[in-house]
Amino acid sequence: MSELKATNEDVRHAYRLLLGREPDEQGYANHLKLLAAGTLSPEQLARGFFGASEFTARFGCLVQVPSGPIPPHTYAKLHCQACTQYQIESPSFLYWARRLGERPGGLHRKLWEWCFAAQAFHERGKLRPGMRGLGFAVGSEPLTALFASIDCDVVATDLDQAQAAQAGWVESNQHAAGLEQLNVRGLCDADKFRQRVQFRSADMRSISTDLRGFDFVWSSCAMEHLGSLDHGVEFALNAMECLRPGGVAVHTTELNCESDTDTVETGGSVIYRQRDLLKLAEQLRALGHVVETLDFYTGETEADRHVDEEPYGGKAHIKLRIGGFASTSFGLIVTRSGGSDGRT
């Protein structure tokens, strides 16, 4: 029996079904050349569309998602860097997306933030049974449940209900009022979750002195909501006090992709420039902490270049417009110094 060959009509159907449009003249002509050579099967035709930049920019990368108790080995550790499509579709990020109950390869910066934190902690040996983690402004994010499922003990914090309601976080469903909201995806066994997780109110601008001795600390796009650039910086500095020596902090925040001079400096959502983050890194290093190399590369794919506009409904949400500036997520990884850093 001869192998099935793709037809002209198969090409048209592929454009309509997989790209949602009619064939463009040049693309259609290129496919006709392949058909004429007699080497293109329907499966090969589909795979070609799945790997096209136009398809991956809209729907993400269709690859086999790694499984198992730990993510696949990588040869290079994460550093302080910006969200990109390439990283979202990397094997380790695909692995964590599956563990988080998300669609692997989904082109959304929030997914990148969660995968970034999980992978950064994993690489540095912090996601092991008995490790203690502290999350700030956890909202409805799934990281608490993920870390508890790995047998870490977690203290999850958020603003108290009155403050959160005043700030609008309750109405927008971005605030945690208790334990129940933190395991709604069922990522962790219910009994284990109750044993491993505590929830308490906390203000990032005034961290309680009893929140100490943790192996890892995180916040996911929260430090830009403290009222000013300076308030966010002060939080990042003070949060290091919550770690034991050798503990790791991971924070994601907004990066201005368009300007290193003008930005949003005060208000409900500020945007950090490269120079602001470089200065923060200098301050942390001056205190003896280890800050991973800062890399401000923001990607070159169609999805990386696309800037989602309000009301933010695009298929690709790696960059978005905030206060007139294109912004994306940026991740910081900091390891506490081996001794006292002198801060009170």
C-alpha atoms as a PDB file:
ATOM      1  CA  MET A   1       0.000   0.000   0.000  1.00  0.00           C
ATOM      2  CA  SER A   2       1.462   3.363  -1.035  1.00  0.00           C
ATOM      3  CA  GLU A   3       2.079   6.071   1.587  1.00  0.00           C
ATOM      4  CA  LEU A   4      -0.667   8.675   1.846  1.00  0.00           C
ATOM      5  CA  LYS A   5       0.331  12.025   0.323  1.00  0.00           C
ATOM      6  CA  ALA A   6      -0.925  15.472   1.319  1.00  0.00           C
ATOM      7  CA  THR A   7      -3.056  17.396  -1.175  1.00  0.00           C
ATOM      8  CA  ASN A   8      -3.659  21.020  -2.056  1.00  0.00           C
ATOM      9  CA  GLU A   9      -6.884  20.880  -0.081  1.00  0.00           C
ATOM     10  CA  ASP A  10      -5.040  19.494   2.954  1.00  0.00           C
ATOM     11  CA  VAL A  11      -2.838  22.599   2.867  1.00  0.00           C
ATOM     12  CA  ARG A  12      -5.859  24.899   2.803  1.00  0.00           C
ATOM     13  CA  HIS A  13      -7.506  23.006   5.673  1.00  0.00           C
ATOM     14  CA  ALA A  14      -4.268  23.194   7.714  1.00  0.00           C
ATOM     15  CA  TYR A  15      -4.109  26.981   7.355  1.00  0.00           C
ATOM     16  CA  ARG A  16      -7.753  27.338   8.372  1.00  0.00           C
ATOM     17  CA  LEU A  17      -7.700  24.827  11.226  1.00  0.00           C
ATOM     18  CA  LEU A  18      -4.260  25.494  12.715  1.00  0.00           C
ATOM     19  CA  LEU A  19      -3.644  29.178  11.945  1.00  0.00           C
ATOM     20  CA  GLY A  20      -7.244  30.388  11.696  1.00  0.00           C
ATOM     21  CA  ARG A  21      -6.808  32.096   8.333  1.00  0.00           C
ATOM     22  CA  GLU A  22      -6.660  31.568   4.602  1.00  0.00           C
ATOM     23  CA  PRO A  23      -3.258  30.701   3.061  1.00  0.00           C
ATOM     24  CA  ASP A  24      -1.019  33.600   2.117  1.00  0.00           C
ATOM     25  CA  GLU A  25       0.269  33.538  -1.436  1.00  0.00           C
ATOM     26  CA  GLN A  26       3.927  32.860  -0.679  1.00  0.00           C
ATOM     27  CA  GLY A  27       3.281  30.245   2.009  1.00  0.00           C
ATOM     28  CA  TYR A  28       0.800  28.389  -0.163  1.00  0.00           C
ATOM     29  CA  ALA A  29       3.243  28.403  -3.092  1.00  0.00           C
ATOM     30  CA  ASN A  30       5.986  26.939  -0.892  1.00  0.00           C
ATOM     31  CA  HIS A  31       3.708  24.104   0.185  1.00  0.00           C
ATOM     32  CA  LEU A  32       2.738  23.394  -3.427  1.00  0.00           C
ATOM     33  CA  LYS A  33       6.430  22.934  -4.252  1.00  0.00           C
ATOM     34  CA  LEU A  34       6.701  20.325  -1.500  1.00  0.00           C
ATOM     35  CA  LEU A  35       3.568  18.595  -2.773  1.00  0.00           C
ATOM     36  CA  ALA A  36       4.966  18.533  -6.284  1.00  0.00           C
ATOM     37  CA  ALA A  37       8.104  16.811  -4.985  1.00  0.00           C
ATOM     38  CA  GLY A  38       5.854  14.052  -3.631  1.00  0.00           C
ATOM     39  CA  THR A  39       7.533  13.945  -0.213  1.00  0.00           C
ATOM     40  CA  LEU A  40       4.896  15.539   2.038  1.00  0.00           C
ATOM     41  CA  SER A  41       2.517  13.321   4.003  1.00  0.00           C
ATOM     42  CA  PRO A  42      -0.473  14.723   5.964  1.00  0.00           C
ATOM     43  CA  GLU A  43       1.443  14.029   9.218  1.00  0.00           C
ATOM     44  CA  GLN A  44       4.504  15.893   7.970  1.00  0.00           C
ATOM     45  CA  LEU A  45       2.287  18.765   6.839  1.00  0.00           C
ATOM     46  CA  ALA A  46       0.726  19.049  10.314  1.00  0.00           C
ATOM     47  CA  ARG A  47       4.090  18.870  12.076  1.00  0.00           C
ATOM     48  CA  GLY A  48       5.348  21.682   9.891  1.00  0.00           C
ATOM     49  CA  PHE A  49       2.472  23.896  10.997  1.00  0.00           C
ATOM     50  CA  PHE A  50       2.919  22.914  14.662  1.00  0.00           C
ATOM     51  CA  GLY A  51       6.543  24.078  14.521  1.00  0.00           C
ATOM     52  CA  ALA A  52       5.849  27.329  12.671  1.00  0.00           C
ATOM     53  CA  SER A  53       6.504  30.545  14.603  1.00  0.00           C
ATOM     54  CA  GLU A  54       2.983  31.795  13.844  1.00  0.00           C
ATOM     55  CA  PHE A  55       1.451  28.705  15.462  1.00  0.00           C
ATOM     56  CA  THR A  56       3.723  28.654  18.522  1.00  0.00           C
ATOM     57  CA  ALA A  57       3.204  32.387  19.086  1.00  0.00           C
ATOM     58  CA  ARG A  58      -0.546  31.786  19.354  1.00  0.00           C
ATOM     59  CA  PHE A  59      -0.741  28.402  21.056  1.00  0.00           C
ATOM     60  CA  GLY A  60       2.660  27.524  22.472  1.00  0.00           C
ATOM     61  CA  CYS A  61       5.005  24.678  21.677  1.00  0.00           C
ATOM     62  CA  LEU A  62       3.582  21.170  21.169  1.00  0.00           C
ATOM     63  CA  VAL A  63       6.222  18.838  22.558  1.00  0.00           C
ATOM     64  CA  GLN A  64       6.320  15.877  24.899  1.00  0.00           C
ATOM     65  CA  VAL A  65       6.082  17.138  28.471  1.00  0.00           C
ATOM     66  CA  PRO A  66       8.658  15.651  30.862  1.00  0.00           C
ATOM     67  CA  SER A  67       7.242  13.695  33.795  1.00  0.00           C
ATOM     68  CA  GLY A  68       8.614  12.113  36.936  1.00  0.00           C
ATOM     69  CA  PRO A  69       9.435  13.252  40.484  1.00  0.00           C
ATOM     70  CA  ILE A  70      11.958  15.911  39.385  1.00  0.00           C
ATOM     71  CA  PRO A  71      12.399  18.119  36.300  1.00  0.00           C
ATOM     72  CA  PRO A  72      14.840  17.091  33.558  1.00  0.00           C
ATOM     73  CA  HIS A  73      18.496  17.961  34.022  1.00  0.00           C
ATOM     74  CA  THR A  74      19.664  21.285  32.620  1.00  0.00           C
ATOM     75  CA  TYR A  75      23.256  22.253  31.943  1.00  0.00           C
ATOM     76  CA  ALA A  76      22.886  25.925  32.868  1.00  0.00           C
ATOM     77  CA  LYS A  77      21.266  27.234  36.046  1.00  0.00           C
ATOM     78  CA  LEU A  78      18.755  30.034  35.909  1.00  0.00           C
ATOM     79  CA  HIS A  79      20.010  33.541  36.543  1.00  0.00           C
ATOM     80  CA  CYS A  80      18.228  36.859  37.018  1.00  0.00           C
ATOM     81  CA  GLN A  81      16.392  37.219  33.723  1.00  0.00           C
ATOM     82  CA  ALA A  82      13.285  38.264  31.811  1.00  0.00           C
ATOM     83  CA  CYS A  83      10.373  36.175  30.614  1.00  0.00           C
ATOM     84  CA  THR A  84      10.769  34.748  27.080  1.00  0.00           C
ATOM     85  CA  GLN A  85       8.915  32.258  24.916  1.00  0.00           C
ATOM     86  CA  TYR A  86      12.047  30.133  24.633  1.00  0.00           C
ATOM     87  CA  GLN A  87      12.178  29.627  28.389  1.00  0.00           C
ATOM     88  CA  ILE A  88       8.451  28.955  28.727  1.00  0.00           C
ATOM     89  CA  GLU A  89       8.907  26.134  26.205  1.00  0.00           C
ATOM     90  CA  SER A  90      12.090  24.724  27.775  1.00  0.00           C
ATOM     91  CA  PRO A  91      11.842  21.162  29.183  1.00  0.00           C
ATOM     92  CA  SER A  92      12.158  22.212  32.834  1.00  0.00           C
ATOM     93  CA  PHE A  93       9.456  24.887  32.519  1.00  0.00           C
ATOM     94  CA  LEU A  94       7.157  22.466  30.675  1.00  0.00           C
ATOM     95  CA  TYR A  95       7.666  20.046  33.555  1.00  0.00           C
ATOM     96  CA  TRP A  96       6.743  22.602  36.222  1.00  0.00           C
ATOM     97  CA  ALA A  97       3.737  23.816  34.217  1.00  0.00           C
ATOM     98  CA  ARG A  98       2.355  20.285  34.291  1.00  0.00           C
ATOM     99  CA  ARG A  99       3.026  20.004  38.043  1.00  0.00           C
ATOM    100  CA  LEU A 100       1.197  23.313  38.541  1.00  0.00           C
ATOM    101  CA  GLY A 101      -1.888  22.143  36.666  1.00  0.00           C
ATOM    102  CA  GLU A 102      -1.261  24.608  33.814  1.00  0.00           C
ATOM    103  CA  ARG A 103      -1.066  24.042  30.061  1.00  0.00           C
ATOM    104  CA  PRO A 104       2.610  23.374  29.314  1.00  0.00           C
ATOM    105  CA  GLY A 105       3.986  25.938  26.893  1.00  0.00           C
ATOM    106  CA  GLY A 106       1.187  28.431  27.511  1.00  0.00           C
ATOM    107  CA  LEU A 107       2.483  31.840  26.453  1.00  0.00           C
ATOM    108  CA  HIS A 108       1.612  33.720  29.635  1.00  0.00           C
ATOM    109  CA  ARG A 109       4.100  35.531  31.842  1.00  0.00           C
ATOM    110  CA  LYS A 110       2.377  34.457  35.072  1.00  0.00           C
ATOM    111  CA  LEU A 111       3.060  30.818  34.183  1.00  0.00           C
ATOM    112  CA  TRP A 112       6.682  31.769  33.530  1.00  0.00           C
ATOM    113  CA  GLU A 113       6.922  33.404  36.977  1.00  0.00           C
ATOM    114  CA  TRP A 114       5.707  30.290  38.788  1.00  0.00           C
ATOM    115  CA  CYS A 115       7.935  27.956  36.777  1.00  0.00           C
ATOM    116  CA  PHE A 116      10.885  30.309  37.265  1.00  0.00           C
ATOM    117  CA  ALA A 117      10.526  30.232  41.048  1.00  0.00           C
ATOM    118  CA  ALA A 118      10.086  26.457  41.194  1.00  0.00           C
ATOM    119  CA  GLN A 119      13.069  25.759  38.938  1.00  0.00           C
ATOM    120  CA  ALA A 120      15.310  28.279  40.716  1.00  0.00           C
ATOM    121  CA  PHE A 121      14.597  26.685  44.104  1.00  0.00           C
ATOM    122  CA  HIS A 122      14.975  23.157  42.709  1.00  0.00           C
ATOM    123  CA  GLU A 123      18.371  23.950  41.168  1.00  0.00           C
ATOM    124  CA  ARG A 124      19.597  25.277  44.509  1.00  0.00           C
ATOM    125  CA  GLY A 125      18.431  22.252  46.509  1.00  0.00           C
ATOM    126  CA  LYS A 126      15.593  23.993  48.356  1.00  0.00           C
ATOM    127  CA  LEU A 127      12.675  21.802  47.221  1.00  0.00           C
ATOM    128  CA  ARG A 128      13.315  18.826  49.470  1.00  0.00           C
ATOM    129  CA  PRO A 129      11.359  17.282  52.347  1.00  0.00           C
ATOM    130  CA  GLY A 130      11.694  19.365  55.495  1.00  0.00           C
ATOM    131  CA  MET A 131      12.735  22.603  53.787  1.00  0.00           C
ATOM    132  CA  ARG A 132      10.910  25.688  55.089  1.00  0.00           C
ATOM    133  CA  GLY A 133       9.466  28.211  52.650  1.00  0.00           C
ATOM    134  CA  LEU A 134       7.858  31.626  53.085  1.00  0.00           C
ATOM    135  CA  GLY A 135       5.599  33.144  50.442  1.00  0.00           C
ATOM    136  CA  PHE A 136       4.601  36.821  50.340  1.00  0.00           C
ATOM    137  CA  ALA A 137       1.347  38.097  48.775  1.00  0.00           C
ATOM    138  CA  VAL A 138       0.519  34.561  47.645  1.00  0.00           C
ATOM    139  CA  GLY A 139      -2.983  35.474  46.442  1.00  0.00           C
ATOM    140  CA  SER A 140      -4.494  32.508  44.610  1.00  0.00           C
ATOM    141  CA  GLU A 141      -1.214  31.266  43.103  1.00  0.00           C
ATOM    142  CA  PRO A 142      -0.521  27.499  43.164  1.00  0.00           C
ATOM    143  CA  LEU A 143       3.092  27.596  44.395  1.00  0.00           C
ATOM    144  CA  THR A 144       2.181  26.995  48.039  1.00  0.00           C
ATOM    145  CA  ALA A 145       0.406  23.745  47.192  1.00  0.00           C
ATOM    146  CA  LEU A 146       3.192  22.662  44.842  1.00  0.00           C
ATOM    147  CA  PHE A 147       5.878  23.150  47.481  1.00  0.00           C
ATOM    148  CA  ALA A 148       3.778  21.383  50.120  1.00  0.00           C
ATOM    149  CA  SER A 149       3.312  18.427  47.749  1.00  0.00           C
ATOM    150  CA  ILE A 150       7.127  18.073  47.739  1.00  0.00           C
ATOM    151  CA  ASP A 151       6.996  17.840  51.563  1.00  0.00           C
ATOM    152  CA  CYS A 152       8.229  21.375  52.231  1.00  0.00           C
ATOM    153  CA  ASP A 153       6.803  23.257  55.205  1.00  0.00           C
ATOM    154  CA  VAL A 154       5.324  26.548  54.008  1.00  0.00           C
ATOM    155  CA  VAL A 155       4.126  29.732  55.644  1.00  0.00           C
ATOM    156  CA  ALA A 156       1.919  31.499  53.096  1.00  0.00           C
ATOM    157  CA  THR A 157       1.148  35.160  53.741  1.00  0.00           C
ATOM    158  CA  ASP A 158      -1.013  37.915  52.303  1.00  0.00           C
ATOM    159  CA  LEU A 159      -2.460  41.239  53.403  1.00  0.00           C
ATOM    160  CA  ASP A 160      -5.201  41.070  56.007  1.00  0.00           C
ATOM    161  CA  GLN A 161      -8.717  41.061  54.578  1.00  0.00           C
ATOM    162  CA  ALA A 162      -9.498  44.720  55.306  1.00  0.00           C
ATOM    163  CA  GLN A 163      -6.306  46.048  53.706  1.00  0.00           C
ATOM    164  CA  ALA A 164      -6.695  43.762  50.707  1.00  0.00           C
ATOM    165  CA  ALA A 165     -10.287  44.824  50.155  1.00  0.00           C
ATOM    166  CA  GLN A 166      -9.305  48.485  50.310  1.00  0.00           C
ATOM    167  CA  ALA A 167      -6.581  47.887  47.721  1.00  0.00           C
ATOM    168  CA  GLY A 168      -8.974  46.045  45.402  1.00  0.00           C
ATOM    169  CA  TRP A 169      -7.248  42.665  45.575  1.00  0.00           C
ATOM    170  CA  VAL A 170     -10.264  40.825  47.011  1.00  0.00           C
ATOM    171  CA  GLU A 171     -12.600  42.044  44.283  1.00  0.00           C
ATOM    172  CA  SER A 172     -10.119  41.000  41.582  1.00  0.00           C
ATOM    173  CA  ASN A 173      -9.663  37.551  43.202  1.00  0.00           C
ATOM    174  CA  GLN A 174      -5.936  38.117  43.757  1.00  0.00           C
ATOM    175  CA  HIS A 175      -5.965  37.796  47.531  1.00  0.00           C
ATOM    176  CA  ALA A 176      -5.768  34.773  49.811  1.00  0.00           C
ATOM    177  CA  ALA A 177      -8.100  34.814  52.800  1.00  0.00           C
ATOM    178  CA  GLY A 178      -7.057  31.419  54.170  1.00  0.00           C
ATOM    179  CA  LEU A 179      -5.742  27.937  53.498  1.00  0.00           C
ATOM    180  CA  GLU A 180      -8.685  26.700  51.418  1.00  0.00           C
ATOM    181  CA  GLN A 181      -7.934  29.026  48.510  1.00  0.00           C
ATOM    182  CA  LEU A 182      -4.335  27.856  48.230  1.00  0.00           C
ATOM    183  CA  ASN A 183      -5.028  24.241  47.222  1.00  0.00           C
ATOM    184  CA  VAL A 184      -8.072  24.613  44.985  1.00  0.00           C
ATOM    185  CA  ARG A 185      -6.250  22.818  42.152  1.00  0.00           C
ATOM    186  CA  GLY A 186      -5.712  19.776  44.342  1.00  0.00           C
ATOM    187  CA  LEU A 187      -1.960  19.814  43.744  1.00  0.00           C
ATOM    188  CA  CYS A 188      -1.321  18.512  47.236  1.00  0.00           C
ATOM    189  CA  ASP A 189      -3.063  15.806  49.240  1.00  0.00           C
ATOM    190  CA  ALA A 190      -5.542  17.560  51.549  1.00  0.00           C
ATOM    191  CA  ASP A 191      -4.228  16.020  54.777  1.00  0.00           C
ATOM    192  CA  LYS A 192      -0.618  16.691  53.851  1.00  0.00           C
ATOM    193  CA  PHE A 193      -1.519  20.250  52.898  1.00  0.00           C
ATOM    194  CA  ARG A 194      -3.051  20.932  56.315  1.00  0.00           C
ATOM    195  CA  GLN A 195       0.034  19.489  58.012  1.00  0.00           C
ATOM    196  CA  ARG A 196       2.576  21.326  55.899  1.00  0.00           C
ATOM    197  CA  VAL A 197       1.028  24.783  55.351  1.00  0.00           C
ATOM    198  CA  GLN A 198       0.236  27.697  57.626  1.00  0.00           C
ATOM    199  CA  PHE A 199      -1.489  30.873  56.512  1.00  0.00           C
ATOM    200  CA  ARG A 200      -1.113  34.242  58.198  1.00  0.00           C
ATOM    201  CA  SER A 201      -1.573  37.906  57.397  1.00  0.00           C
ATOM    202  CA  ALA A 202       1.555  39.908  56.643  1.00  0.00           C
ATOM    203  CA  ASP A 203       2.417  43.337  55.306  1.00  0.00           C
ATOM    204  CA  MET A 204       5.376  43.342  52.905  1.00  0.00           C
ATOM    205  CA  ARG A 205       6.184  46.905  53.969  1.00  0.00           C
ATOM    206  CA  SER A 206       6.559  45.875  57.608  1.00  0.00           C
ATOM    207  CA  ILE A 207       7.720  42.251  57.866  1.00  0.00           C
ATOM    208  CA  SER A 208       7.190  40.719  61.291  1.00  0.00           C
ATOM    209  CA  THR A 209      10.409  39.854  63.115  1.00  0.00           C
ATOM    210  CA  ASP A 210       9.144  36.351  63.911  1.00  0.00           C
ATOM    211  CA  LEU A 211       9.249  35.375  60.219  1.00  0.00           C
ATOM    212  CA  ARG A 212      12.803  34.068  60.357  1.00  0.00           C
ATOM    213  CA  GLY A 213      14.892  30.974  59.618  1.00  0.00           C
ATOM    214  CA  PHE A 214      13.436  29.971  56.253  1.00  0.00           C
ATOM    215  CA  ASP A 215      15.275  28.023  53.557  1.00  0.00           C
ATOM    216  CA  PHE A 216      13.527  29.850  50.736  1.00  0.00           C
ATOM    217  CA  VAL A 217      11.395  32.943  50.277  1.00  0.00           C
ATOM    218  CA  TRP A 218       9.391  34.059  47.270  1.00  0.00           C
ATOM    219  CA  SER A 219       7.050  36.687  45.885  1.00  0.00           C
ATOM    220  CA  SER A 220       5.402  36.634  42.466  1.00  0.00           C
ATOM    221  CA  CYS A 221       4.946  40.086  40.910  1.00  0.00           C
ATOM    222  CA  ALA A 222       4.121  41.678  44.260  1.00  0.00           C
ATOM    223  CA  MET A 223       6.954  44.094  45.072  1.00  0.00           C
ATOM    224  CA  GLU A 224       5.781  46.514  42.357  1.00  0.00           C
ATOM    225  CA  HIS A 225       2.440  46.947  44.161  1.00  0.00           C
ATOM    226  CA  LEU A 226       3.846  48.499  47.354  1.00  0.00           C
ATOM    227  CA  GLY A 227       3.359  52.116  46.289  1.00  0.00           C
ATOM    228  CA  SER A 228       6.749  53.085  44.878  1.00  0.00           C
ATOM    229  CA  LEU A 229       9.970  51.759  43.416  1.00  0.00           C
ATOM    230  CA  ASP A 230      11.721  52.443  46.715  1.00  0.00           C
ATOM    231  CA  HIS A 231       9.161  50.484  48.759  1.00  0.00           C
ATOM    232  CA  GLY A 232       9.690  47.440  46.559  1.00  0.00           C
ATOM    233  CA  VAL A 233      13.458  47.698  46.887  1.00  0.00           C
ATOM    234  CA  GLU A 234      13.178  47.985  50.664  1.00  0.00           C
ATOM    235  CA  PHE A 235      11.026  44.849  50.727  1.00  0.00           C
ATOM    236  CA  ALA A 236      13.575  42.880  48.699  1.00  0.00           C
ATOM    237  CA  LEU A 237      16.338  43.956  51.101  1.00  0.00           C
ATOM    238  CA  ASN A 238      14.336  43.235  54.246  1.00  0.00           C
ATOM    239  CA  ALA A 239      13.077  39.868  52.991  1.00  0.00           C
ATOM    240  CA  MET A 240      16.658  38.560  53.127  1.00  0.00           C
ATOM    241  CA  GLU A 241      16.386  38.729  56.925  1.00  0.00           C
ATOM    242  CA  CYS A 242      13.731  36.003  56.741  1.00  0.00           C
ATOM    243  CA  LEU A 243      16.273  33.512  55.382  1.00  0.00           C
ATOM    244  CA  ARG A 244      18.778  31.416  57.233  1.00  0.00           C
ATOM    245  CA  PRO A 245      22.377  31.659  55.934  1.00  0.00           C
ATOM    246  CA  GLY A 246      22.474  30.027  52.499  1.00  0.00           C
ATOM    247  CA  GLY A 247      18.742  30.477  52.012  1.00  0.00           C
ATOM    248  CA  VAL A 248      17.435  31.609  48.623  1.00  0.00           C
ATOM    249  CA  ALA A 249      15.015  34.410  47.725  1.00  0.00           C
ATOM    250  CA  VAL A 250      13.212  34.517  44.373  1.00  0.00           C
ATOM    251  CA  HIS A 251      11.156  37.563  43.424  1.00  0.00           C
ATOM    252  CA  THR A 252       9.510  38.373  40.120  1.00  0.00           C
ATOM    253  CA  THR A 253       8.536  41.913  39.232  1.00  0.00           C
ATOM    254  CA  GLU A 254       7.870  44.292  36.325  1.00  0.00           C
ATOM    255  CA  LEU A 255      10.618  45.178  33.857  1.00  0.00           C
ATOM    256  CA  ASN A 256      10.294  48.233  31.623  1.00  0.00           C
ATOM    257  CA  CYS A 257      11.089  46.964  28.106  1.00  0.00           C
ATOM    258  CA  GLU A 258      11.048  50.376  26.439  1.00  0.00           C
ATOM    259  CA  SER A 259      12.898  52.884  28.591  1.00  0.00           C
ATOM    260  CA  ASP A 260      15.747  53.043  31.072  1.00  0.00           C
ATOM    261  CA  THR A 261      14.925  56.662  31.885  1.00  0.00           C
ATOM    262  CA  ASP A 262      11.154  57.210  32.063  1.00  0.00           C
ATOM    263  CA  THR A 263       8.909  54.800  33.959  1.00  0.00           C
ATOM    264  CA  VAL A 264       6.049  54.549  36.462  1.00  0.00           C
ATOM    265  CA  GLU A 265       7.747  55.317  39.801  1.00  0.00           C
ATOM    266  CA  THR A 266       4.784  55.578  42.200  1.00  0.00           C
ATOM    267  CA  GLY A 267       1.243  54.250  42.439  1.00  0.00           C
ATOM    268  CA  GLY A 268      -0.509  50.922  42.495  1.00  0.00           C
ATOM    269  CA  SER A 269       1.755  49.295  39.922  1.00  0.00           C
ATOM    270  CA  VAL A 270       5.270  50.622  39.339  1.00  0.00           C
ATOM    271  CA  ILE A 271       7.695  49.390  36.677  1.00  0.00           C
ATOM    272  CA  TYR A 272      11.371  48.768  37.353  1.00  0.00           C
ATOM    273  CA  ARG A 273      13.966  49.869  34.818  1.00  0.00           C
ATOM    274  CA  GLN A 274      17.206  48.033  34.164  1.00  0.00           C
ATOM    275  CA  ARG A 275      19.077  50.632  36.181  1.00  0.00           C
ATOM    276  CA  ASP A 276      16.743  50.152  39.168  1.00  0.00           C
ATOM    277  CA  LEU A 277      17.333  46.396  39.236  1.00  0.00           C
ATOM    278  CA  LEU A 278      21.079  46.797  38.740  1.00  0.00           C
ATOM    279  CA  LYS A 279      21.151  49.214  41.688  1.00  0.00           C
ATOM    280  CA  LEU A 280      19.160  46.760  43.825  1.00  0.00           C
ATOM    281  CA  ALA A 281      21.651  44.029  42.933  1.00  0.00           C
ATOM    282  CA  GLU A 282      24.509  46.302  44.032  1.00  0.00           C
ATOM    283  CA  GLN A 283      22.788  46.955  47.364  1.00  0.00           C
ATOM    284  CA  LEU A 284      22.247  43.251  47.980  1.00  0.00           C
ATOM    285  CA  ARG A 285      25.838  42.414  47.101  1.00  0.00           C
ATOM    286  CA  ALA A 286      27.089  45.184  49.371  1.00  0.00           C
ATOM    287  CA  LEU A 287      25.342  43.363  52.208  1.00  0.00           C
ATOM    288  CA  GLY A 288      27.252  40.200  51.319  1.00  0.00           C
ATOM    289  CA  HIS A 289      24.488  38.367  49.469  1.00  0.00           C
ATOM    290  CA  VAL A 290      25.008  36.474  46.222  1.00  0.00           C
ATOM    291  CA  VAL A 291      22.945  37.838  43.324  1.00  0.00           C
ATOM    292  CA  GLU A 292      22.872  35.801  40.140  1.00  0.00           C
ATOM    293  CA  THR A 293      23.980  37.541  36.926  1.00  0.00           C
ATOM    294  CA  LEU A 294      21.356  39.942  35.564  1.00  0.00           C
ATOM    295  CA  ASP A 295      20.332  39.315  31.928  1.00  0.00           C
ATOM    296  CA  PHE A 296      17.889  41.738  30.306  1.00  0.00           C
ATOM    297  CA  TYR A 297      17.372  39.845  27.026  1.00  0.00           C
ATOM    298  CA  THR A 298      13.611  39.845  26.292  1.00  0.00           C
ATOM    299  CA  GLY A 299      13.363  37.478  23.332  1.00  0.00           C
ATOM    300  CA  GLU A 300      12.932  37.829  19.597  1.00  0.00           C
ATOM    301  CA  THR A 301       9.971  35.644  18.618  1.00  0.00           C
ATOM    302  CA  GLU A 302       6.638  37.007  17.462  1.00  0.00           C
ATOM    303  CA  ALA A 303       5.175  36.240  20.891  1.00  0.00           C
ATOM    304  CA  ASP A 304       8.107  38.011  22.586  1.00  0.00           C
ATOM    305  CA  ARG A 305       7.591  41.118  20.444  1.00  0.00           C
ATOM    306  CA  HIS A 306       3.809  41.232  20.899  1.00  0.00           C
ATOM    307  CA  VAL A 307       2.574  43.688  23.553  1.00  0.00           C
ATOM    308  CA  ASP A 308      -0.845  42.796  24.948  1.00  0.00           C
ATOM    309  CA  GLU A 309      -3.131  45.774  25.426  1.00  0.00           C
ATOM    310  CA  GLU A 310      -5.979  46.250  27.884  1.00  0.00           C
ATOM    311  CA  PRO A 311      -8.277  44.442  28.531  1.00  0.00           C
ATOM    312  CA  TYR A 312      -5.458  41.885  28.151  1.00  0.00           C
ATOM    313  CA  GLY A 313      -7.028  39.047  26.228  1.00  0.00           C
ATOM    314  CA  GLY A 314      -4.293  38.115  23.780  1.00  0.00           C
ATOM    315  CA  LYS A 315      -3.166  34.565  23.073  1.00  0.00           C
ATOM    316  CA  ALA A 316       0.359  35.713  23.911  1.00  0.00           C
ATOM    317  CA  HIS A 317       0.706  37.580  27.205  1.00  0.00           C
ATOM    318  CA  ILE A 318       4.460  37.748  27.661  1.00  0.00           C
ATOM    319  CA  LYS A 319       4.554  41.540  27.435  1.00  0.00           C
ATOM    320  CA  LEU A 320       1.751  43.971  28.282  1.00  0.00           C
ATOM    321  CA  ARG A 321       1.156  47.693  28.304  1.00  0.00           C
ATOM    322  CA  ILE A 322       1.209  49.316  31.758  1.00  0.00           C
ATOM    323  CA  GLY A 323       1.094  53.077  32.209  1.00  0.00           C
ATOM    324  CA  GLY A 324       2.126  53.599  28.607  1.00  0.00           C
ATOM    325  CA  PHE A 325       5.165  51.285  28.785  1.00  0.00           C
ATOM    326  CA  ALA A 326       5.674  47.769  27.460  1.00  0.00           C
ATOM    327  CA  SER A 327       6.507  45.584  30.444  1.00  0.00           C
ATOM    328  CA  THR A 328       7.354  41.961  31.110  1.00  0.00           C
ATOM    329  CA  SER A 329       8.209  39.834  34.136  1.00  0.00           C
ATOM    330  CA  PHE A 330      11.745  39.741  35.489  1.00  0.00           C
ATOM    331  CA  GLY A 331      13.039  37.215  37.993  1.00  0.00           C
ATOM    332  CA  LEU A 332      15.586  37.872  40.758  1.00  0.00           C
ATOM    333  CA  ILE A 333      17.525  35.073  42.490  1.00  0.00           C
ATOM    334  CA  VAL A 334      19.461  35.975  45.648  1.00  0.00           C
ATOM    335  CA  THR A 335      21.262  33.733  48.156  1.00  0.00           C
ATOM    336  CA  ARG A 336      21.719  34.987  51.690  1.00  0.00           C
ATOM    337  CA  SER A 337      25.257  35.493  52.952  1.00  0.00           C
ATOM    338  CA  GLY A 338      26.739  32.920  55.268  1.00  0.00           C
ATOM    339  CA  GLY A 339      26.604  35.181  58.323  1.00  0.00           C
ATOM    340  CA  SER A 340      24.833  38.256  59.701  1.00  0.00           C
ATOM    341  CA  ASP A 341      24.437  41.044  57.182  1.00  0.00           C
ATOM    342  CA  GLY A 342      24.069  43.771  59.769  1.00  0.00           C
ATOM    343  CA  ARG A 343      20.454  44.682  59.041  1.00  0.00           C
ATOM    344  CA  THR A 344      17.948  44.800  61.888  1.00  0.00           C
END
